All heavy atoms as atom14 arrays in JSON, in Angstrom:
{
  "sequence": "ICEEKHAGVGLNEIKDAWLGKVAEVLDRATLSNSL",
  "atom14_mask": [
    [1, 1, 1, 1, 1, 1, 1, 1, 0, 0, 0, 0, 0, 0],
    [1, 1, 1, 1, 1, 1, 0, 0, 0, 0, 0, 0, 0, 0],
    [1, 1, 1, 1, 1, 1, 1, 1, 1, 0, 0, 0, 0, 0],
    [1, 1, 1, 1, 1, 1, 1, 1, 1, 0, 0, 0, 0, 0],
    [1, 1, 1, 1, 1, 1, 1, 1, 1, 0, 0, 0, 0, 0],
    [1, 1, 1, 1, 1, 1, 1, 1, 1, 1, 0, 0, 0, 0],
    [1, 1, 1, 1, 1, 0, 0, 0, 0, 0, 0, 0, 0, 0],
    [1, 1, 1, 1, 0, 0, 0, 0, 0, 0, 0, 0, 0, 0],
    [1, 1, 1, 1, 1, 1, 1, 0, 0, 0, 0, 0, 0, 0],
    [1, 1, 1, 1, 0, 0, 0, 0, 0, 0, 0, 0, 0, 0],
    [1, 1, 1, 1, 1, 1, 1, 1, 0, 0, 0, 0, 0, 0],
    [1, 1, 1, 1, 1, 1, 1, 1, 0, 0, 0, 0, 0, 0],
    [1, 1, 1, 1, 1, 1, 1, 1, 1, 0, 0, 0, 0, 0],
    [1, 1, 1, 1, 1, 1, 1, 1, 0, 0, 0, 0, 0, 0],
    [1, 1, 1, 1, 1, 1, 1, 1, 1, 0, 0, 0, 0, 0],
    [1, 1, 1, 1, 1, 1, 1, 1, 0, 0, 0, 0, 0, 0],
    [1, 1, 1, 1, 1, 0, 0, 0, 0, 0, 0, 0, 0, 0],
    [1, 1, 1, 1, 1, 1, 1, 1, 1, 1, 1, 1, 1, 1],
    [1, 1, 1, 1, 1, 1, 1, 1, 0, 0, 0, 0, 0, 0],
    [1, 1, 1, 1, 0, 0, 0, 0, 0, 0, 0, 0, 0, 0],
    [1, 1, 1, 1, 1, 1, 1, 1, 1, 0, 0, 0, 0, 0],
    [1, 1, 1, 1, 1, 1, 1, 0, 0, 0, 0, 0, 0, 0],
    [1, 1, 1, 1, 1, 0, 0, 0, 0, 0, 0, 0, 0, 0],
    [1, 1, 1, 1, 1, 1, 1, 1, 1, 0, 0, 0, 0, 0],
    [1, 1, 1, 1, 1, 1, 1, 0, 0, 0, 0, 0, 0, 0],
    [1, 1, 1, 1, 1, 1, 1, 1, 0, 0, 0, 0, 0, 0],
    [1, 1, 1, 1, 1, 1, 1, 1, 0, 0, 0, 0, 0, 0],
    [1, 1, 1, 1, 1, 1, 1, 1, 1, 1, 1, 0, 0, 0],
    [1, 1, 1, 1, 1, 0, 0, 0, 0, 0, 0, 0, 0, 0],
    [1, 1, 1, 1, 1, 1, 1, 0, 0, 0, 0, 0, 0, 0],
    [1, 1, 1, 1, 1, 1, 1, 1, 0, 0, 0, 0, 0, 0],
    [1, 1, 1, 1, 1, 1, 0, 0, 0, 0, 0, 0, 0, 0],
    [1, 1, 1, 1, 1, 1, 1, 1, 0, 0, 0, 0, 0, 0],
    [1, 1, 1, 1, 1, 1, 0, 0, 0, 0, 0, 0, 0, 0],
    [1, 1, 1, 1, 1, 1, 1, 1, 0, 0, 0, 0, 0, 0]
  ],
  "atom14_positions": [
    [[215.38, 115.21, 33.01], [214.66, 115.51, 31.77], [214.55, 117.02, 31.54], [214.79, 117.51, 30.43], [213.25, 114.88, 31.8], [213.33, 113.36, 31.86], [212.44, 115.33, 30.59], [214.01, 112.72, 30.68], [0.0, 0.0, 0.0], [0.0, 0.0, 0.0], [0.0, 0.0, 0.0], [0.0, 0.0, 0.0], [0.0, 0.0, 0.0], [0.0, 0.0, 0.0]],
    [[214.21, 117.76, 32.59], [214.07, 119.21, 32.44], [215.4, 119.88, 32.12], [215.45, 120.87, 31.38], [213.45, 119.81, 33.7], [211.68, 119.45, 33.88], [0.0, 0.0, 0.0], [0.0, 0.0, 0.0], [0.0, 0.0, 0.0], [0.0, 0.0, 0.0], [0.0, 0.0, 0.0], [0.0, 0.0, 0.0], [0.0, 0.0, 0.0], [0.0, 0.0, 0.0]],
    [[216.48, 119.34, 32.68], [217.8, 119.89, 32.34], [218.11, 119.63, 30.87], [218.6, 120.53, 30.16], [218.87, 119.25, 33.21], [220.28, 119.72, 32.86], [221.38, 118.9, 33.5], [221.08, 117.97, 34.28], [222.56, 119.18, 33.18], [0.0, 0.0, 0.0], [0.0, 0.0, 0.0], [0.0, 0.0, 0.0], [0.0, 0.0, 0.0], [0.0, 0.0, 0.0]],
    [[217.81, 118.43, 30.39], [218.08, 118.09, 28.99], [217.29, 118.98, 28.04], [217.76, 119.28, 26.93], [217.73, 116.62, 28.74], [218.68, 115.64, 29.42], [218.24, 114.2, 29.26], [217.1, 113.98, 28.77], [219.02, 113.29, 29.62], [0.0, 0.0, 0.0], [0.0, 0.0, 0.0], [0.0, 0.0, 0.0], [0.0, 0.0, 0.0], [0.0, 0.0, 0.0]],
    [[216.11, 119.41, 28.46], [215.26, 120.27, 27.64], [215.54, 121.75, 27.9], [214.81, 122.62, 27.4], [213.79, 119.96, 27.9], [213.39, 118.53, 27.57], [213.61, 118.19, 26.1], [213.17, 116.76, 25.79], [213.38, 116.42, 24.36], [0.0, 0.0, 0.0], [0.0, 0.0, 0.0], [0.0, 0.0, 0.0], [0.0, 0.0, 0.0], [0.0, 0.0, 0.0]],
    [[216.59, 122.03, 28.69], [217.01, 123.4, 29.02], [215.96, 124.18, 29.81], [215.98, 125.41, 29.84], [217.37, 124.17, 27.74], [218.36, 123.46, 26.87], [219.68, 123.29, 27.25], [218.22, 122.85, 25.66], [220.32, 122.61, 26.3], [219.46, 122.33, 25.33], [0.0, 0.0, 0.0], [0.0, 0.0, 0.0], [0.0, 0.0, 0.0], [0.0, 0.0, 0.0]],
    [[215.04, 123.44, 30.44], [214.04, 124.09, 31.28], [214.48, 124.13, 32.73], [214.04, 124.99, 33.5], [212.69, 123.37, 31.17], [0.0, 0.0, 0.0], [0.0, 0.0, 0.0], [0.0, 0.0, 0.0], [0.0, 0.0, 0.0], [0.0, 0.0, 0.0], [0.0, 0.0, 0.0], [0.0, 0.0, 0.0], [0.0, 0.0, 0.0], [0.0, 0.0, 0.0]],
    [[215.35, 123.19, 33.12], [215.8, 123.09, 34.5], [217.28, 123.38, 34.66], [217.95, 123.8, 33.72], [0.0, 0.0, 0.0], [0.0, 0.0, 0.0], [0.0, 0.0, 0.0], [0.0, 0.0, 0.0], [0.0, 0.0, 0.0], [0.0, 0.0, 0.0], [0.0, 0.0, 0.0], [0.0, 0.0, 0.0], [0.0, 0.0, 0.0], [0.0, 0.0, 0.0]],
    [[217.76, 123.14, 35.87], [219.14, 123.47, 36.23], [219.98, 122.2, 36.35], [219.54, 121.22, 36.95], [219.17, 124.22, 37.58], [220.61, 124.44, 38.06], [218.43, 125.55, 37.46], [0.0, 0.0, 0.0], [0.0, 0.0, 0.0], [0.0, 0.0, 0.0], [0.0, 0.0, 0.0], [0.0, 0.0, 0.0], [0.0, 0.0, 0.0], [0.0, 0.0, 0.0]],
    [[221.17, 122.23, 35.78], [222.11, 121.14, 35.96], [222.74, 121.24, 37.34], [223.47, 122.19, 37.62], [0.0, 0.0, 0.0], [0.0, 0.0, 0.0], [0.0, 0.0, 0.0], [0.0, 0.0, 0.0], [0.0, 0.0, 0.0], [0.0, 0.0, 0.0], [0.0, 0.0, 0.0], [0.0, 0.0, 0.0], [0.0, 0.0, 0.0], [0.0, 0.0, 0.0]],
    [[222.43, 120.29, 38.21], [222.87, 120.4, 39.6], [224.39, 120.37, 39.74], [224.94, 120.97, 40.66], [222.22, 119.29, 40.43], [220.69, 119.33, 40.47], [220.14, 118.2, 41.31], [220.2, 120.68, 41.01], [0.0, 0.0, 0.0], [0.0, 0.0, 0.0], [0.0, 0.0, 0.0], [0.0, 0.0, 0.0], [0.0, 0.0, 0.0], [0.0, 0.0, 0.0]],
    [[225.05, 119.67, 38.84], [226.52, 119.66, 38.89], [227.11, 121.03, 38.59], [228.23, 121.33, 38.99], [227.07, 118.63, 37.9], [226.96, 117.21, 38.42], [226.96, 116.98, 39.63], [226.84, 116.25, 37.52], [0.0, 0.0, 0.0], [0.0, 0.0, 0.0], [0.0, 0.0, 0.0], [0.0, 0.0, 0.0], [0.0, 0.0, 0.0], [0.0, 0.0, 0.0]],
    [[226.34, 121.86, 37.9], [226.81, 123.2, 37.55], [226.87, 124.12, 38.76], [227.6, 125.12, 38.75], [225.89, 123.82, 36.48], [225.87, 123.09, 35.16], [224.89, 123.72, 34.18], [224.54, 124.91, 34.38], [224.46, 123.05, 33.24], [0.0, 0.0, 0.0], [0.0, 0.0, 0.0], [0.0, 0.0, 0.0], [0.0, 0.0, 0.0], [0.0, 0.0, 0.0]],
    [[226.09, 123.82, 39.78], [226.05, 124.71, 40.95], [226.71, 124.09, 42.18], [226.89, 124.78, 43.18], [224.61, 125.13, 41.29], [223.79, 123.91, 41.73], [223.96, 125.83, 40.1], [222.4, 124.27, 42.24], [0.0, 0.0, 0.0], [0.0, 0.0, 0.0], [0.0, 0.0, 0.0], [0.0, 0.0, 0.0], [0.0, 0.0, 0.0], [0.0, 0.0, 0.0]],
    [[227.05, 122.83, 42.11], [227.57, 122.14, 43.28], [228.88, 122.74, 43.77], [229.06, 122.99, 44.98], [227.78, 120.66, 42.98], [228.21, 119.84, 44.19], [228.28, 118.36, 43.85], [228.64, 117.53, 45.07], [228.69, 116.08, 44.77], [0.0, 0.0, 0.0], [0.0, 0.0, 0.0], [0.0, 0.0, 0.0], [0.0, 0.0, 0.0], [0.0, 0.0, 0.0]],
    [[229.81, 123.01, 42.87], [231.11, 123.56, 43.27], [230.96, 124.94, 43.89], [231.64, 125.28, 44.86], [232.06, 123.62, 42.08], [232.56, 122.23, 41.66], [232.45, 121.3, 42.47], [233.06, 122.1, 40.53], [0.0, 0.0, 0.0], [0.0, 0.0, 0.0], [0.0, 0.0, 0.0], [0.0, 0.0, 0.0], [0.0, 0.0, 0.0], [0.0, 0.0, 0.0]],
    [[230.04, 125.75, 43.31], [229.81, 127.09, 43.85], [229.23, 127.0, 45.27], [229.62, 127.75, 46.16], [228.87, 127.88, 42.95], [0.0, 0.0, 0.0], [0.0, 0.0, 0.0], [0.0, 0.0, 0.0], [0.0, 0.0, 0.0], [0.0, 0.0, 0.0], [0.0, 0.0, 0.0], [0.0, 0.0, 0.0], [0.0, 0.0, 0.0], [0.0, 0.0, 0.0]],
    [[228.32, 126.05, 45.46], [227.72, 125.85, 46.79], [228.77, 125.41, 47.79], [228.86, 125.95, 48.9], [226.6, 124.81, 46.69], [225.89, 124.57, 47.99], [224.82, 125.26, 48.48], [226.19, 123.56, 48.97], [224.44, 124.75, 49.7], [225.25, 123.7, 50.03], [227.16, 122.56, 49.05], [225.26, 122.88, 51.14], [227.17, 121.73, 50.16], [226.24, 121.9, 51.19]],
    [[229.59, 124.43, 47.41], [230.63, 123.94, 48.31], [231.63, 125.05, 48.65], [232.09, 125.17, 49.8], [231.37, 122.76, 47.67], [230.61, 121.43, 47.61], [231.36, 120.43, 46.74], [230.41, 120.87, 49.02], [0.0, 0.0, 0.0], [0.0, 0.0, 0.0], [0.0, 0.0, 0.0], [0.0, 0.0, 0.0], [0.0, 0.0, 0.0], [0.0, 0.0, 0.0]],
    [[231.95, 125.89, 47.65], [232.87, 127.0, 47.89], [232.31, 128.0, 48.87], [233.03, 128.48, 49.76], [0.0, 0.0, 0.0], [0.0, 0.0, 0.0], [0.0, 0.0, 0.0], [0.0, 0.0, 0.0], [0.0, 0.0, 0.0], [0.0, 0.0, 0.0], [0.0, 0.0, 0.0], [0.0, 0.0, 0.0], [0.0, 0.0, 0.0], [0.0, 0.0, 0.0]],
    [[231.02, 128.33, 48.73], [230.39, 129.3, 49.63], [230.32, 128.73, 51.04], [230.61, 129.43, 52.02], [228.98, 129.62, 49.14], [228.25, 130.66, 49.98], [228.97, 132.01, 49.93], [228.2, 133.07, 50.67], [228.9, 134.39, 50.63], [0.0, 0.0, 0.0], [0.0, 0.0, 0.0], [0.0, 0.0, 0.0], [0.0, 0.0, 0.0], [0.0, 0.0, 0.0]],
    [[229.96, 127.46, 51.15], [229.87, 126.81, 52.46], [231.25, 126.8, 53.14], [231.37, 127.13, 54.33], [229.32, 125.38, 52.32], [229.53, 124.59, 53.61], [227.84, 125.43, 51.96], [0.0, 0.0, 0.0], [0.0, 0.0, 0.0], [0.0, 0.0, 0.0], [0.0, 0.0, 0.0], [0.0, 0.0, 0.0], [0.0, 0.0, 0.0], [0.0, 0.0, 0.0]],
    [[232.28, 126.44, 52.39], [233.63, 126.39, 52.95], [234.08, 127.76, 53.42], [234.69, 127.9, 54.49], [234.6, 125.85, 51.91], [0.0, 0.0, 0.0], [0.0, 0.0, 0.0], [0.0, 0.0, 0.0], [0.0, 0.0, 0.0], [0.0, 0.0, 0.0], [0.0, 0.0, 0.0], [0.0, 0.0, 0.0], [0.0, 0.0, 0.0], [0.0, 0.0, 0.0]],
    [[233.75, 128.79, 52.65], [234.14, 130.16, 53.0], [233.5, 130.6, 54.32], [234.17, 131.13, 55.22], [233.71, 131.11, 51.88], [233.88, 132.59, 52.22], [232.97, 133.49, 51.4], [232.61, 133.11, 50.26], [232.6, 134.57, 51.91], [0.0, 0.0, 0.0], [0.0, 0.0, 0.0], [0.0, 0.0, 0.0], [0.0, 0.0, 0.0], [0.0, 0.0, 0.0]],
    [[232.18, 130.35, 54.46], [231.47, 130.79, 55.65], [231.88, 129.96, 56.87], [232.07, 130.5, 57.97], [229.94, 130.72, 55.42], [229.18, 130.98, 56.71], [229.53, 131.73, 54.35], [0.0, 0.0, 0.0], [0.0, 0.0, 0.0], [0.0, 0.0, 0.0], [0.0, 0.0, 0.0], [0.0, 0.0, 0.0], [0.0, 0.0, 0.0], [0.0, 0.0, 0.0]],
    [[232.02, 128.65, 56.7], [232.45, 127.82, 57.83], [233.85, 128.21, 58.3], [234.14, 128.18, 59.51], [232.43, 126.34, 57.44], [231.05, 125.72, 57.17], [231.19, 124.23, 56.89], [230.09, 125.96, 58.32], [0.0, 0.0, 0.0], [0.0, 0.0, 0.0], [0.0, 0.0, 0.0], [0.0, 0.0, 0.0], [0.0, 0.0, 0.0], [0.0, 0.0, 0.0]],
    [[234.7, 128.59, 57.39], [236.05, 129.03, 57.76], [235.99, 130.32, 58.57], [236.67, 130.47, 59.59], [236.9, 129.22, 56.5], [238.34, 129.61, 56.82], [239.03, 128.8, 57.47], [238.76, 130.72, 56.44], [0.0, 0.0, 0.0], [0.0, 0.0, 0.0], [0.0, 0.0, 0.0], [0.0, 0.0, 0.0], [0.0, 0.0, 0.0], [0.0, 0.0, 0.0]],
    [[235.16, 131.26, 58.12], [234.99, 132.52, 58.85], [234.4, 132.28, 60.23], [234.67, 133.02, 61.18], [234.09, 133.48, 58.07], [234.74, 134.1, 56.84], [233.7, 134.83, 56.0], [232.9, 135.75, 56.78], [231.67, 136.13, 56.46], [231.08, 135.62, 55.39], [231.01, 136.98, 57.23], [0.0, 0.0, 0.0], [0.0, 0.0, 0.0], [0.0, 0.0, 0.0]],
    [[233.59, 131.23, 60.33], [232.94, 130.91, 61.6], [233.81, 130.04, 62.51], [233.36, 129.63, 63.57], [231.62, 130.19, 61.33], [0.0, 0.0, 0.0], [0.0, 0.0, 0.0], [0.0, 0.0, 0.0], [0.0, 0.0, 0.0], [0.0, 0.0, 0.0], [0.0, 0.0, 0.0], [0.0, 0.0, 0.0], [0.0, 0.0, 0.0], [0.0, 0.0, 0.0]],
    [[235.03, 129.78, 62.07], [235.99, 128.91, 62.8], [235.4, 127.53, 63.06], [235.64, 126.92, 64.1], [236.45, 129.54, 64.14], [235.34, 129.61, 65.05], [237.01, 130.94, 63.93], [0.0, 0.0, 0.0], [0.0, 0.0, 0.0], [0.0, 0.0, 0.0], [0.0, 0.0, 0.0], [0.0, 0.0, 0.0], [0.0, 0.0, 0.0], [0.0, 0.0, 0.0]],
    [[234.63, 127.03, 62.09], [234.04, 125.71, 62.21], [234.82, 124.72, 61.36], [235.37, 125.08, 60.31], [232.58, 125.73, 61.75], [231.63, 126.58, 62.58], [230.25, 126.65, 61.93], [231.52, 126.04, 63.99], [0.0, 0.0, 0.0], [0.0, 0.0, 0.0], [0.0, 0.0, 0.0], [0.0, 0.0, 0.0], [0.0, 0.0, 0.0], [0.0, 0.0, 0.0]],
    [[234.85, 123.48, 61.8], [235.57, 122.44, 61.08], [234.91, 122.18, 59.74], [233.69, 122.01, 59.64], [235.58, 121.15, 61.89], [236.08, 120.08, 61.12], [0.0, 0.0, 0.0], [0.0, 0.0, 0.0], [0.0, 0.0, 0.0], [0.0, 0.0, 0.0], [0.0, 0.0, 0.0], [0.0, 0.0, 0.0], [0.0, 0.0, 0.0], [0.0, 0.0, 0.0]],
    [[235.72, 122.15, 58.69], [235.21, 121.84, 57.36], [235.8, 120.51, 56.89], [236.07, 120.32, 55.71], [235.57, 122.96, 56.38], [234.78, 122.83, 55.08], [233.68, 122.3, 55.07], [235.36, 123.3, 53.99], [0.0, 0.0, 0.0], [0.0, 0.0, 0.0], [0.0, 0.0, 0.0], [0.0, 0.0, 0.0], [0.0, 0.0, 0.0], [0.0, 0.0, 0.0]],
    [[236.02, 119.62, 57.84], [236.65, 118.34, 57.53], [235.65, 117.25, 57.17], [236.02, 116.1, 56.96], [237.49, 117.87, 58.73], [236.67, 117.69, 59.87], [0.0, 0.0, 0.0], [0.0, 0.0, 0.0], [0.0, 0.0, 0.0], [0.0, 0.0, 0.0], [0.0, 0.0, 0.0], [0.0, 0.0, 0.0], [0.0, 0.0, 0.0], [0.0, 0.0, 0.0]],
    [[234.36, 117.61, 57.15], [233.35, 116.63, 56.79], [233.57, 116.2, 55.34], [233.67, 117.03, 54.44], [231.94, 117.24, 56.94], [231.54, 117.6, 58.36], [230.28, 118.44, 58.35], [231.32, 116.35, 59.19], [0.0, 0.0, 0.0], [0.0, 0.0, 0.0], [0.0, 0.0, 0.0], [0.0, 0.0, 0.0], [0.0, 0.0, 0.0], [0.0, 0.0, 0.0]]
  ]
}
């Protein structure tokens, strides 16, 4: 509801950015990103 009223955040809008950041750091840490 808050997203529809432009008061909140669309979670799908930030999901890809979050996944990208996580993948970048896990790769630098030599950790498996196969989850």
